[in-house]
C-alpha atoms as a PDB file:
ATOM      1  CA  MET A   1       3.737 -25.781 -35.625  1.00  0.00           C
ATOM      2  CA  LYS A   2       1.216 -23.509 -34.826  1.00  0.00           C
ATOM      3  CA  ARG A   3      -1.476 -24.992 -32.221  1.00  0.00           C
ATOM      4  CA  GLY A   4      -4.214 -25.990 -33.477  1.00  0.00           C
ATOM      5  CA  ASP A   5      -2.551 -27.535 -36.710  1.00  0.00           C
ATOM      6  CA  GLU A   6      -3.979 -31.058 -38.096  1.00  0.00           C
ATOM      7  CA  GLU A   7      -0.017 -32.206 -37.333  1.00  0.00           C
ATOM      8  CA  SER A   8       0.090 -30.378 -34.101  1.00  0.00           C
ATOM      9  CA  ARG A   9       1.724 -32.039 -31.099  1.00  0.00           C
ATOM     10  CA  THR A  10       2.100 -31.539 -27.257  1.00  0.00           C
ATOM     11  CA  MET A  11       5.020 -28.838 -26.368  1.00  0.00           C
ATOM     12  CA  ALA A  12       6.861 -31.638 -24.745  1.00  0.00           C
ATOM     13  CA  ASP A  13       7.127 -33.627 -28.186  1.00  0.00           C
ATOM     14  CA  GLU A  14       7.904 -30.988 -30.044  1.00  0.00           C
ATOM     15  CA  GLN A  15      10.847 -30.393 -27.574  1.00  0.00           C
ATOM     16  CA  GLY A  16      12.038 -34.371 -27.639  1.00  0.00           C
ATOM     17  CA  PHE A  17      10.255 -35.113 -24.310  1.00  0.00           C
ATOM     18  CA  GLY A  18       8.565 -37.677 -25.353  1.00  0.00           C
ATOM     19  CA  SER A  19       8.883 -41.187 -25.321  1.00  0.00           C
ATOM     20  CA  SER A  20      11.542 -43.439 -26.654  1.00  0.00           C
ATOM     21  CA  ASP A  21       9.664 -44.515 -29.351  1.00  0.00           C
ATOM     22  CA  VAL A  22       8.147 -42.412 -32.134  1.00  0.00           C
ATOM     23  CA  LEU A  23       5.428 -44.927 -32.395  1.00  0.00           C
ATOM     24  CA  VAL A  24       4.594 -44.747 -28.772  1.00  0.00           C
ATOM     25  CA  ASP A  25       4.663 -40.733 -29.008  1.00  0.00           C
ATOM     26  CA  GLU A  26       2.236 -41.179 -32.069  1.00  0.00           C
ATOM     27  CA  LEU A  27      -0.187 -43.172 -30.262  1.00  0.00           C
ATOM     28  CA  PHE A  28      -0.414 -40.931 -27.373  1.00  0.00           C
ATOM     29  CA  ALA A  29      -0.537 -37.669 -29.618  1.00  0.00           C
ATOM     30  CA  THR A  30      -3.679 -38.991 -31.319  1.00  0.00           C
ATOM     31  CA  THR A  31      -5.166 -40.084 -28.224  1.00  0.00           C
ATOM     32  CA  HIS A  32      -4.859 -36.639 -26.453  1.00  0.00           C
ATOM     33  CA  GLN A  33      -5.986 -34.701 -29.872  1.00  0.00           C
ATOM     34  CA  LEU A  34      -8.767 -37.211 -30.176  1.00  0.00           C
ATOM     35  CA  ARG A  35      -9.718 -36.274 -26.701  1.00  0.00           C
ATOM     36  CA  VAL A  36      -9.824 -32.792 -27.304  1.00  0.00           C
ATOM     37  CA  PHE A  37     -11.160 -32.812 -30.267  1.00  0.00           C
ATOM     38  CA  VAL A  38     -14.595 -34.849 -28.896  1.00  0.00           C
ATOM     39  CA  ASP A  39     -13.961 -32.695 -25.292  1.00  0.00           C
ATOM     40  CA  GLY A  40     -14.861 -29.689 -27.392  1.00  0.00           C
ATOM     41  CA  ARG A  41     -17.614 -31.290 -29.456  1.00  0.00           C
ATOM     42  CA  LEU A  42     -19.135 -31.876 -26.121  1.00  0.00           C
ATOM     43  CA  ARG A  43     -18.413 -28.989 -23.879  1.00  0.00           C
ATOM     44  CA  GLU A  44     -20.545 -26.714 -26.672  1.00  0.00           C
ATOM     45  CA  HIS A  45     -23.884 -28.787 -25.253  1.00  0.00           C
ATOM     46  CA  GLY A  46     -22.232 -28.181 -21.530  1.00  0.00           C
ATOM     47  CA  ALA A  47     -20.837 -31.756 -21.350  1.00  0.00           C
ATOM     48  CA  SER A  48     -17.397 -33.338 -21.396  1.00  0.00           C
ATOM     49  CA  VAL A  49     -15.458 -36.635 -21.991  1.00  0.00           C
ATOM     50  CA  ALA A  50     -15.036 -36.978 -18.197  1.00  0.00           C
ATOM     51  CA  ARG A  51     -18.740 -36.440 -17.410  1.00  0.00           C
ATOM     52  CA  LEU A  52     -19.933 -38.344 -20.208  1.00  0.00           C
ATOM     53  CA  ARG A  53     -17.562 -41.507 -18.868  1.00  0.00           C
ATOM     54  CA  ALA A  54     -18.848 -41.577 -15.579  1.00  0.00           C
ATOM     55  CA  LEU A  55     -22.593 -41.300 -16.656  1.00  0.00           C
ATOM     56  CA  ARG A  56     -22.184 -43.996 -19.321  1.00  0.00           C
ATOM     57  CA  VAL A  57     -20.948 -46.552 -16.172  1.00  0.00           C
ATOM     58  CA  LEU A  58     -23.957 -45.607 -14.404  1.00  0.00           C
ATOM     59  CA  ALA A  59     -26.186 -45.846 -17.218  1.00  0.00           C
ATOM     60  CA  ARG A  60     -24.879 -49.389 -18.707  1.00  0.00           C
ATOM     61  CA  THR A  61     -24.621 -50.534 -15.126  1.00  0.00           C
ATOM     62  CA  GLY A  62     -28.105 -50.350 -15.099  1.00  0.00           C
ATOM     63  CA  GLU A  63     -27.954 -49.522 -10.914  1.00  0.00           C
ATOM     64  CA  PRO A  64     -26.390 -47.514  -8.470  1.00  0.00           C
ATOM     65  CA  LEU A  65     -22.594 -47.747  -7.524  1.00  0.00           C
ATOM     66  CA  ARG A  66     -20.912 -46.749  -4.521  1.00  0.00           C
ATOM     67  CA  MET A  67     -18.490 -44.279  -5.403  1.00  0.00           C
ATOM     68  CA  ARG A  68     -15.098 -46.422  -5.033  1.00  0.00           C
ATOM     69  CA  ASP A  69     -16.805 -48.663  -7.940  1.00  0.00           C
ATOM     70  CA  LEU A  70     -17.254 -45.871 -10.042  1.00  0.00           C
ATOM     71  CA  SER A  71     -13.980 -44.813  -9.398  1.00  0.00           C
ATOM     72  CA  ASP A  72     -12.220 -48.408  -9.934  1.00  0.00           C
ATOM     73  CA  LEU A  73     -14.413 -48.996 -13.481  1.00  0.00           C
ATOM     74  CA  LEU A  74     -13.655 -45.441 -14.417  1.00  0.00           C
ATOM     75  CA  GLY A  75     -10.124 -46.101 -13.784  1.00  0.00           C
ATOM     76  CA  ASN A  76      -9.852 -42.682 -11.707  1.00  0.00           C
ATOM     77  CA  ALA A  77      -8.034 -41.750  -9.059  1.00  0.00           C
ATOM     78  CA  PRO A  78     -11.321 -41.594  -6.083  1.00  0.00           C
ATOM     79  CA  ARG A  79     -10.744 -37.809  -5.445  1.00  0.00           C
ATOM     80  CA  THR A  80     -10.981 -37.160  -9.588  1.00  0.00           C
ATOM     81  CA  THR A  81     -13.943 -39.357  -9.282  1.00  0.00           C
ATOM     82  CA  THR A  82     -15.183 -37.319  -6.698  1.00  0.00           C
ATOM     83  CA  THR A  83     -14.768 -33.908  -8.325  1.00  0.00           C
ATOM     84  CA  ILE A  84     -17.064 -35.229 -11.140  1.00  0.00           C
ATOM     85  CA  VAL A  85     -19.608 -36.605  -9.390  1.00  0.00           C
ATOM     86  CA  ASP A  86     -20.078 -33.358  -7.447  1.00  0.00           C
ATOM     87  CA  SER A  87     -20.111 -31.738 -10.522  1.00  0.00           C
ATOM     88  CA  LEU A  88     -22.710 -34.056 -12.126  1.00  0.00           C
ATOM     89  CA  GLU A  89     -24.752 -33.879  -8.536  1.00  0.00           C
ATOM     90  CA  ARG A  90     -24.818 -29.927  -8.700  1.00  0.00           C
ATOM     91  CA  ASP A  91     -26.338 -30.369 -12.054  1.00  0.00           C
ATOM     92  CA  GLY A  92     -28.825 -32.796 -11.018  1.00  0.00           C
ATOM     93  CA  LEU A  93     -27.702 -35.604 -13.099  1.00  0.00           C
ATOM     94  CA  VAL A  94     -26.525 -37.718 -10.432  1.00  0.00           C
ATOM     95  CA  GLU A  95     -28.366 -38.050  -7.154  1.00  0.00           C
ATOM     96  CA  ARG A  96     -26.468 -40.228  -3.590  1.00  0.00           C
ATOM     97  CA  VAL A  97     -28.788 -42.897  -2.718  1.00  0.00           C
ATOM     98  CA  ARG A  98     -28.671 -44.752   0.722  1.00  0.00           C
ATOM     99  CA  HIS A  99     -27.545 -48.030   0.707  1.00  0.00           C
ATOM    100  CA  PRO A 100     -30.198 -50.600   1.122  1.00  0.00           C
ATOM    101  CA  GLU A 101     -27.459 -52.737   4.074  1.00  0.00           C
ATOM    102  CA  ASP A 102     -25.024 -50.278   5.149  1.00  0.00           C
ATOM    103  CA  ARG A 103     -26.590 -47.228   6.453  1.00  0.00           C
ATOM    104  CA  ARG A 104     -22.963 -45.473   6.516  1.00  0.00           C
ATOM    105  CA  ALA A 105     -22.763 -45.566   2.633  1.00  0.00           C
ATOM    106  CA  PHE A 106     -24.462 -43.618  -0.334  1.00  0.00           C
ATOM    107  CA  LEU A 107     -25.030 -45.184  -3.784  1.00  0.00           C
ATOM    108  CA  LEU A 108     -25.011 -42.871  -6.658  1.00  0.00           C
ATOM    109  CA  ALA A 109     -27.629 -43.016  -9.260  1.00  0.00           C
ATOM    110  CA  LEU A 110     -28.263 -41.403 -12.419  1.00  0.00           C
ATOM    111  CA  THR A 111     -31.649 -39.146 -12.182  1.00  0.00           C
ATOM    112  CA  ASP A 112     -34.253 -39.192 -15.037  1.00  0.00           C
ATOM    113  CA  LEU A 113     -32.611 -35.933 -16.033  1.00  0.00           C
ATOM    114  CA  GLY A 114     -29.281 -37.336 -16.104  1.00  0.00           C
ATOM    115  CA  ALA A 115     -30.207 -40.449 -18.155  1.00  0.00           C
ATOM    116  CA  ARG A 116     -31.568 -37.677 -20.913  1.00  0.00           C
ATOM    117  CA  HIS A 117     -28.180 -36.000 -20.448  1.00  0.00           C
ATOM    118  CA  TYR A 118     -25.986 -39.196 -21.237  1.00  0.00           C
ATOM    119  CA  ARG A 119     -28.287 -40.160 -23.934  1.00  0.00           C
ATOM    120  CA  GLU A 120     -27.675 -36.662 -26.040  1.00  0.00           C
ATOM    121  CA  ALA A 121     -24.210 -36.683 -24.557  1.00  0.00           C
ATOM    122  CA  GLU A 122     -23.702 -40.666 -26.124  1.00  0.00           C
ATOM    123  CA  GLU A 123     -24.862 -39.213 -29.122  1.00  0.00           C
ATOM    124  CA  LEU A 124     -22.717 -35.958 -29.846  1.00  0.00           C
ATOM    125  CA  ASP A 125     -19.689 -38.658 -28.579  1.00  0.00           C
ATOM    126  CA  GLY A 126     -20.741 -40.436 -31.643  1.00  0.00           C
ATOM    127  CA  VAL A 127     -20.957 -37.939 -34.191  1.00  0.00           C
ATOM    128  CA  ALA A 128     -17.626 -36.416 -33.032  1.00  0.00           C
ATOM    129  CA  LEU A 129     -15.834 -39.822 -33.207  1.00  0.00           C
ATOM    130  CA  ALA A 130     -17.241 -40.606 -36.509  1.00  0.00           C
ATOM    131  CA  THR A 131     -15.912 -37.540 -37.856  1.00  0.00           C
ATOM    132  CA  ALA A 132     -12.681 -38.280 -36.376  1.00  0.00           C
ATOM    133  CA  THR A 133     -12.565 -41.947 -37.756  1.00  0.00           C
ATOM    134  CA  GLY A 134     -14.328 -41.702 -41.148  1.00  0.00           C
ATOM    135  CA  THR A 135     -11.643 -41.570 -43.337  1.00  0.00           C
ATOM    136  CA  LEU A 136     -10.525 -45.268 -42.479  1.00  0.00           C
ATOM    137  CA  ALA A 137     -12.551 -47.549 -44.772  1.00  0.00           C
ATOM    138  CA  PRO A 138     -13.767 -50.551 -42.802  1.00  0.00           C
ATOM    139  CA  ALA A 139     -10.573 -52.678 -43.565  1.00  0.00           C
ATOM    140  CA  GLU A 140      -8.223 -50.242 -42.298  1.00  0.00           C
ATOM    141  CA  ARG A 141     -10.688 -49.937 -38.879  1.00  0.00           C
ATOM    142  CA  GLU A 142     -10.215 -53.757 -38.397  1.00  0.00           C
ATOM    143  CA  GLN A 143      -6.170 -53.780 -39.210  1.00  0.00           C
ATOM    144  CA  LEU A 144      -6.020 -50.673 -36.741  1.00  0.00           C
ATOM    145  CA  ARG A 145      -8.098 -52.499 -33.832  1.00  0.00           C
ATOM    146  CA  ALA A 146      -6.182 -55.874 -34.432  1.00  0.00           C
ATOM    147  CA  LEU A 147      -2.347 -53.904 -34.494  1.00  0.00           C
ATOM    148  CA  LEU A 148      -3.815 -51.777 -31.274  1.00  0.00           C
ATOM    149  CA  GLY A 149      -4.886 -55.486 -29.542  1.00  0.00           C
ATOM    150  CA  ARG A 150      -1.590 -56.741 -30.264  1.00  0.00           C
ATOM    151  CA  ILE A 151       0.356 -54.015 -28.354  1.00  0.00           C
ATOM    152  CA  ARG A 152      -2.437 -54.312 -25.688  1.00  0.00           C
ATOM    153  CA  GLN A 153      -1.605 -58.414 -25.535  1.00  0.00           C
ATOM    154  CA  ALA A 154       2.408 -58.003 -25.610  1.00  0.00           C
ATOM    155  CA  VAL A 155       1.617 -55.705 -22.314  1.00  0.00           C
ATOM    156  CA  ALA A 156      -0.642 -57.824 -20.799  1.00  0.00           C
ATOM    157  CA  ASP A 157       1.777 -60.776 -21.607  1.00  0.00           C
ATOM    158  CA  SER A 158       4.901 -58.789 -20.110  1.00  0.00           C
ATOM    159  CA  THR A 159       2.929 -58.271 -17.038  1.00  0.00           C
ATOM    160  CA  GLU A 160       1.651 -61.651 -16.137  1.00  0.00           C
END
């Protein structure tokens, strides 16, 4: 298969280095392909999935967050979050403000420009995802959600 083909898979998958379950391989490949697709659409406008996710958390929480809390909410390693926040701060989208109760700590807050950038990127994300999932009928969407929910529940049940 050539790169960029609709059915393209990662090199590891092509060489049989994926998981022991083809369904899991398909889930990972689909997730990866969706992320690359959406990231490409966002990058055309100076955004990315990683940056949008950080902006989304800051926008939706509605209050400044500690770096550690943002990292936890994103599910990222602290170093990864620091790299993302540094780039957002450099672009004027996020600012570090003093913690009101701990003078050694800083909180992360969206700037006005960051809030505007977030809304624009969110719109682009929505359009890209609608393009990607637009071929599914409403009943198929619900069926897929239910099936994915069952997989997540099986994982959660097995870790309790």
